[in-house]
């Protein structure tokens, strides 16, 4: 007897989560935009290799959420629902948490 494996069903909730997480990832790029604009202050002390390294790392950040978002949608298309949820959640979580931490730190006297 051979039983064929039935792929998990696509749920409406997962699709809504994928869309919301993409909107949050775009919102997290607003935080990146501020940091990217401020990154040029690294050159205030002169042009050094450390300043260039910092600016290069900051300006290459959007590659991470873009890659995670693509991976999430590929997992969604292959009906790997748990992986799709994790990848799409990781696409926005670090910058949002970092921004929240900075906001809380500013409230503490």
N, C-alpha and C. Protein backbone atom coordinates (compact mmCIF):
# COMPACT_ATOMS: atom_id res chain seq x y z
N UNK A 1 0.83 -1.18 0.00
CA UNK A 1 0.00 0.00 0.00
C UNK A 1 0.88 1.25 0.00
N UNK A 2 0.61 2.09 -0.91
CA UNK A 2 1.36 3.33 -0.93
C UNK A 2 0.40 4.49 -0.74
N UNK A 3 0.77 5.32 0.18
CA UNK A 3 -0.04 6.50 0.45
C UNK A 3 0.72 7.72 -0.04
N UNK A 4 0.06 8.54 -0.75
CA UNK A 4 0.71 9.76 -1.22
C UNK A 4 0.56 10.84 -0.16
N UNK A 5 1.63 11.56 0.03
CA UNK A 5 1.63 12.63 1.02
C UNK A 5 0.86 13.82 0.45
N UNK A 6 -0.06 14.30 1.21
CA UNK A 6 -0.86 15.46 0.81
C UNK A 6 -0.18 16.71 1.37
N UNK A 7 0.17 17.66 0.51
CA UNK A 7 0.79 18.89 1.03
C UNK A 7 -0.21 19.66 1.89
N UNK A 8 0.30 20.41 2.88
CA UNK A 8 -0.59 21.19 3.74
C UNK A 8 -1.40 22.19 2.92
N UNK A 9 -2.60 22.46 3.38
CA UNK A 9 -3.46 23.41 2.70
C UNK A 9 -2.97 24.84 2.94
N UNK A 10 -3.22 25.68 1.98
CA UNK A 10 -2.90 27.10 2.15
C UNK A 10 -4.04 27.74 2.92
N UNK A 11 -3.69 28.47 3.93
CA UNK A 11 -4.73 29.12 4.72
C UNK A 11 -4.76 30.62 4.43
N UNK A 12 -5.91 31.20 4.63
CA UNK A 12 -6.07 32.64 4.43
C UNK A 12 -5.26 33.40 5.46
N UNK A 13 -5.19 32.86 6.69
CA UNK A 13 -4.43 33.52 7.75
C UNK A 13 -2.96 33.62 7.41
N UNK A 14 -2.41 32.57 6.80
CA UNK A 14 -1.00 32.59 6.41
C UNK A 14 -0.76 33.63 5.32
N UNK A 15 -1.66 33.71 4.37
CA UNK A 15 -1.51 34.71 3.31
C UNK A 15 -1.58 36.12 3.89
N UNK A 16 -2.50 36.35 4.82
CA UNK A 16 -2.59 37.66 5.46
C UNK A 16 -1.31 37.96 6.23
N UNK A 17 -0.78 36.96 6.95
CA UNK A 17 0.48 37.15 7.69
C UNK A 17 1.62 37.49 6.73
N UNK A 18 1.69 36.81 5.60
CA UNK A 18 2.76 37.08 4.64
C UNK A 18 2.67 38.53 4.13
N UNK A 19 1.48 38.99 3.84
CA UNK A 19 1.31 40.36 3.34
C UNK A 19 1.63 41.37 4.44
N UNK A 20 1.13 41.14 5.65
CA UNK A 20 1.40 42.06 6.77
C UNK A 20 2.89 42.10 7.08
N UNK A 21 3.54 40.95 7.06
CA UNK A 21 4.98 40.93 7.37
C UNK A 21 5.78 41.67 6.31
N UNK A 22 5.32 41.62 5.05
CA UNK A 22 6.01 42.37 4.00
C UNK A 22 5.83 43.87 4.20
N UNK A 23 4.65 44.27 4.64
CA UNK A 23 4.42 45.70 4.92
C UNK A 23 5.29 46.16 6.10
N UNK A 24 5.42 45.30 7.11
CA UNK A 24 6.29 45.64 8.25
C UNK A 24 7.76 45.68 7.83
N UNK A 25 8.15 44.80 6.92
CA UNK A 25 9.53 44.83 6.43
C UNK A 25 9.81 46.13 5.69
N UNK A 26 8.85 46.59 4.91
CA UNK A 26 9.00 47.88 4.22
C UNK A 26 9.07 49.00 5.25
N UNK A 27 8.24 48.89 6.31
CA UNK A 27 8.29 49.88 7.38
C UNK A 27 9.63 49.88 8.10
N UNK A 28 10.23 48.70 8.24
CA UNK A 28 11.53 48.63 8.91
C UNK A 28 12.61 49.31 8.09
N UNK A 29 12.39 49.40 6.79
CA UNK A 29 13.36 50.11 5.96
C UNK A 29 13.33 51.61 6.22
N UNK A 30 12.24 52.11 6.81
CA UNK A 30 12.20 53.53 7.20
C UNK A 30 13.22 53.78 8.31
N UNK A 31 13.34 52.85 9.23
CA UNK A 31 14.36 52.96 10.28
C UNK A 31 15.74 52.91 9.64
N UNK A 32 15.92 52.00 8.68
CA UNK A 32 17.21 51.89 7.99
C UNK A 32 17.54 53.18 7.26
N UNK A 33 16.53 53.83 6.68
CA UNK A 33 16.77 55.05 5.93
C UNK A 33 17.35 56.14 6.83
N UNK A 34 16.84 56.24 8.06
CA UNK A 34 17.37 57.22 9.01
C UNK A 34 18.82 56.89 9.36
N UNK A 35 19.08 55.62 9.67
CA UNK A 35 20.44 55.20 10.03
C UNK A 35 21.38 55.38 8.84
N UNK A 36 20.91 55.08 7.63
CA UNK A 36 21.74 55.25 6.45
C UNK A 36 22.08 56.72 6.22
N UNK A 37 21.13 57.59 6.48
CA UNK A 37 21.41 59.02 6.35
C UNK A 37 22.41 59.51 7.37
N UNK A 38 22.29 58.98 8.58
CA UNK A 38 23.22 59.38 9.63
C UNK A 38 24.59 58.71 9.49
N UNK A 39 24.68 57.66 8.69
CA UNK A 39 25.94 56.92 8.58
C UNK A 39 27.06 57.77 7.99
N UNK A 40 26.71 58.80 7.26
CA UNK A 40 27.76 59.64 6.69
C UNK A 40 28.47 60.47 7.76
N UNK A 41 27.92 60.51 8.95
CA UNK A 41 28.60 61.19 10.06
C UNK A 41 29.84 60.40 10.48
N UNK A 42 29.98 59.16 10.03
CA UNK A 42 31.17 58.37 10.33
C UNK A 42 32.41 59.01 9.73
N UNK A 43 32.22 59.86 8.74
CA UNK A 43 33.36 60.53 8.09
C UNK A 43 33.72 61.85 8.75
N UNK A 44 33.06 62.20 9.86
CA UNK A 44 33.37 63.46 10.54
C UNK A 44 34.80 63.50 11.05
N UNK A 45 35.33 62.36 11.45
CA UNK A 45 36.70 62.31 11.96
C UNK A 45 37.70 62.09 10.83
N UNK A 46 37.26 62.13 9.62
CA UNK A 46 38.14 61.91 8.47
C UNK A 46 37.80 60.60 7.79
N UNK A 47 38.35 60.44 6.63
CA UNK A 47 38.07 59.25 5.85
C UNK A 47 39.00 58.12 6.29
N UNK A 48 38.43 57.12 6.94
CA UNK A 48 39.22 55.99 7.45
C UNK A 48 38.61 54.69 6.93
N UNK A 49 39.40 53.61 6.94
CA UNK A 49 38.84 52.32 6.54
C UNK A 49 37.67 51.87 7.43
N UNK A 50 37.72 52.20 8.71
CA UNK A 50 36.63 51.84 9.62
C UNK A 50 35.34 52.56 9.24
N UNK A 51 35.46 53.82 8.84
CA UNK A 51 34.28 54.57 8.42
C UNK A 51 33.68 53.97 7.16
N UNK A 52 34.53 53.62 6.22
CA UNK A 52 34.04 53.00 4.99
C UNK A 52 33.39 51.66 5.28
N UNK A 53 33.96 50.88 6.18
CA UNK A 53 33.38 49.58 6.53
C UNK A 53 32.01 49.75 7.16
N UNK A 54 31.87 50.72 8.06
CA UNK A 54 30.58 50.98 8.71
C UNK A 54 29.53 51.38 7.69
N UNK A 55 29.88 52.29 6.80
CA UNK A 55 28.93 52.76 5.79
C UNK A 55 28.55 51.63 4.84
N UNK A 56 29.51 50.80 4.47
CA UNK A 56 29.23 49.67 3.58
C UNK A 56 28.26 48.69 4.23
N UNK A 57 28.46 48.39 5.51
CA UNK A 57 27.57 47.46 6.21
C UNK A 57 26.17 48.06 6.34
N UNK A 58 26.09 49.31 6.70
CA UNK A 58 24.78 49.96 6.86
C UNK A 58 24.04 50.01 5.53
N UNK A 59 24.72 50.39 4.48
CA UNK A 59 24.04 50.54 3.20
C UNK A 59 23.72 49.21 2.54
N UNK A 60 24.34 48.11 2.96
CA UNK A 60 24.02 46.81 2.37
C UNK A 60 22.91 46.09 3.14
N UNK A 61 22.37 46.70 4.20
CA UNK A 61 21.34 46.06 5.01
C UNK A 61 20.10 45.60 4.24
N UNK A 62 19.56 46.35 3.29
CA UNK A 62 18.30 45.93 2.64
C UNK A 62 18.39 44.57 1.95
N UNK A 63 19.58 44.06 1.72
CA UNK A 63 19.73 42.74 1.12
C UNK A 63 19.14 41.67 2.04
N UNK A 64 19.27 41.84 3.36
CA UNK A 64 18.80 40.83 4.32
C UNK A 64 17.28 40.68 4.27
N UNK A 65 16.48 41.73 4.48
CA UNK A 65 15.03 41.52 4.41
C UNK A 65 14.54 41.11 3.02
N UNK A 66 15.22 41.57 1.99
CA UNK A 66 14.83 41.18 0.64
C UNK A 66 15.02 39.68 0.45
N UNK A 67 16.17 39.16 0.87
CA UNK A 67 16.43 37.72 0.75
C UNK A 67 15.48 36.89 1.60
N UNK A 68 15.21 37.35 2.83
CA UNK A 68 14.28 36.62 3.69
C UNK A 68 12.86 36.66 3.14
N UNK A 69 12.47 37.77 2.56
CA UNK A 69 11.14 37.87 1.97
C UNK A 69 10.99 36.93 0.77
N UNK A 70 12.00 36.91 -0.07
CA UNK A 70 11.96 36.01 -1.22
C UNK A 70 11.91 34.56 -0.75
N UNK A 71 12.73 34.24 0.25
CA UNK A 71 12.71 32.88 0.81
C UNK A 71 11.36 32.52 1.40
N UNK A 72 10.72 33.47 2.06
CA UNK A 72 9.40 33.24 2.64
C UNK A 72 8.36 32.95 1.58
N UNK A 73 8.38 33.71 0.50
CA UNK A 73 7.40 33.48 -0.56
C UNK A 73 7.67 32.18 -1.31
N UNK A 74 8.94 31.81 -1.45
CA UNK A 74 9.26 30.53 -2.08
C UNK A 74 8.76 29.39 -1.19
N UNK A 75 8.98 29.49 0.12
CA UNK A 75 8.48 28.48 1.04
C UNK A 75 6.96 28.42 1.01
N UNK A 76 6.32 29.56 0.90
CA UNK A 76 4.85 29.61 0.81
C UNK A 76 4.38 28.91 -0.46
N UNK A 77 5.08 29.14 -1.56
CA UNK A 77 4.70 28.51 -2.83
C UNK A 77 4.89 26.99 -2.77
N UNK A 78 5.90 26.54 -2.01
CA UNK A 78 6.13 25.10 -1.86
C UNK A 78 5.32 24.49 -0.73
N UNK A 79 4.45 25.30 -0.13
CA UNK A 79 3.56 24.90 0.96
C UNK A 79 4.31 24.43 2.20
N UNK A 80 5.45 25.04 2.46
CA UNK A 80 6.17 24.82 3.71
C UNK A 80 5.78 25.98 4.62
N UNK A 81 4.62 25.83 5.24
CA UNK A 81 3.99 26.94 5.95
C UNK A 81 4.81 27.45 7.13
N UNK A 82 5.35 26.55 7.94
CA UNK A 82 6.12 26.99 9.11
C UNK A 82 7.36 27.77 8.69
N UNK A 83 8.06 27.28 7.68
CA UNK A 83 9.24 27.99 7.20
C UNK A 83 8.87 29.35 6.63
N UNK A 84 7.74 29.43 5.95
CA UNK A 84 7.28 30.71 5.38
C UNK A 84 7.00 31.71 6.49
N UNK A 85 6.37 31.26 7.58
CA UNK A 85 6.07 32.15 8.70
C UNK A 85 7.35 32.66 9.34
N UNK A 86 8.32 31.76 9.55
CA UNK A 86 9.58 32.15 10.20
C UNK A 86 10.37 33.12 9.33
N UNK A 87 10.53 32.80 8.07
CA UNK A 87 11.32 33.67 7.19
C UNK A 87 10.68 35.04 7.02
N UNK A 88 9.37 35.07 6.87
CA UNK A 88 8.73 36.38 6.71
C UNK A 88 8.77 37.17 8.01
N UNK A 89 8.73 36.50 9.15
CA UNK A 89 8.84 37.21 10.43
C UNK A 89 10.23 37.76 10.67
N UNK A 90 11.24 37.01 10.25
CA UNK A 90 12.61 37.47 10.42
C UNK A 90 12.95 38.66 9.51
N UNK A 91 12.17 38.85 8.47
CA UNK A 91 12.47 39.95 7.54
C UNK A 91 12.26 41.32 8.16
N UNK A 92 11.46 41.42 9.22
CA UNK A 92 11.21 42.73 9.82
C UNK A 92 11.55 42.79 11.30
N UNK A 93 11.73 41.68 11.96
CA UNK A 93 11.86 41.67 13.41
C UNK A 93 13.09 42.42 13.95
N UNK A 94 14.31 42.16 13.48
CA UNK A 94 15.46 42.83 14.09
C UNK A 94 15.42 44.35 14.07
N UNK A 95 15.13 45.00 12.93
CA UNK A 95 15.11 46.47 12.96
C UNK A 95 13.97 47.04 13.80
N UNK A 96 12.82 46.36 13.80
CA UNK A 96 11.70 46.84 14.61
C UNK A 96 12.06 46.74 16.09
N UNK A 97 12.64 45.62 16.50
CA UNK A 97 13.05 45.46 17.90
C UNK A 97 14.14 46.46 18.27
N UNK A 98 15.09 46.69 17.37
CA UNK A 98 16.16 47.65 17.63
C UNK A 98 15.60 49.06 17.75
N UNK A 99 14.66 49.42 16.89
CA UNK A 99 14.03 50.73 16.97
C UNK A 99 13.23 50.88 18.26
N UNK A 100 12.53 49.83 18.66
CA UNK A 100 11.79 49.87 19.93
C UNK A 100 12.72 50.01 21.12
N UNK A 101 13.87 49.32 21.07
CA UNK A 101 14.85 49.43 22.14
C UNK A 101 15.41 50.85 22.24
N UNK A 102 15.67 51.46 21.12
CA UNK A 102 16.16 52.84 21.13
C UNK A 102 15.08 53.78 21.68
N UNK A 103 13.82 53.55 21.28
CA UNK A 103 12.73 54.38 21.79
C UNK A 103 12.56 54.25 23.30
N UNK A 104 12.66 53.04 23.81
CA UNK A 104 12.56 52.82 25.27
C UNK A 104 13.73 53.44 25.98
N UNK A 105 14.93 53.32 25.40
CA UNK A 105 16.12 53.90 26.02
C UNK A 105 16.02 55.42 26.09
N UNK A 106 15.36 56.04 25.13
CA UNK A 106 15.20 57.48 25.15
C UNK A 106 14.20 57.93 26.20
N UNK A 107 13.28 57.05 26.61
CA UNK A 107 12.29 57.40 27.62
C UNK A 107 12.85 57.32 29.04
N UNK A 108 13.92 56.55 29.22
CA UNK A 108 14.51 56.39 30.55
C UNK A 108 15.37 57.62 30.86
N UNK A 109 15.12 58.26 32.00
CA UNK A 109 15.88 59.49 32.31
C UNK A 109 17.31 59.20 32.69
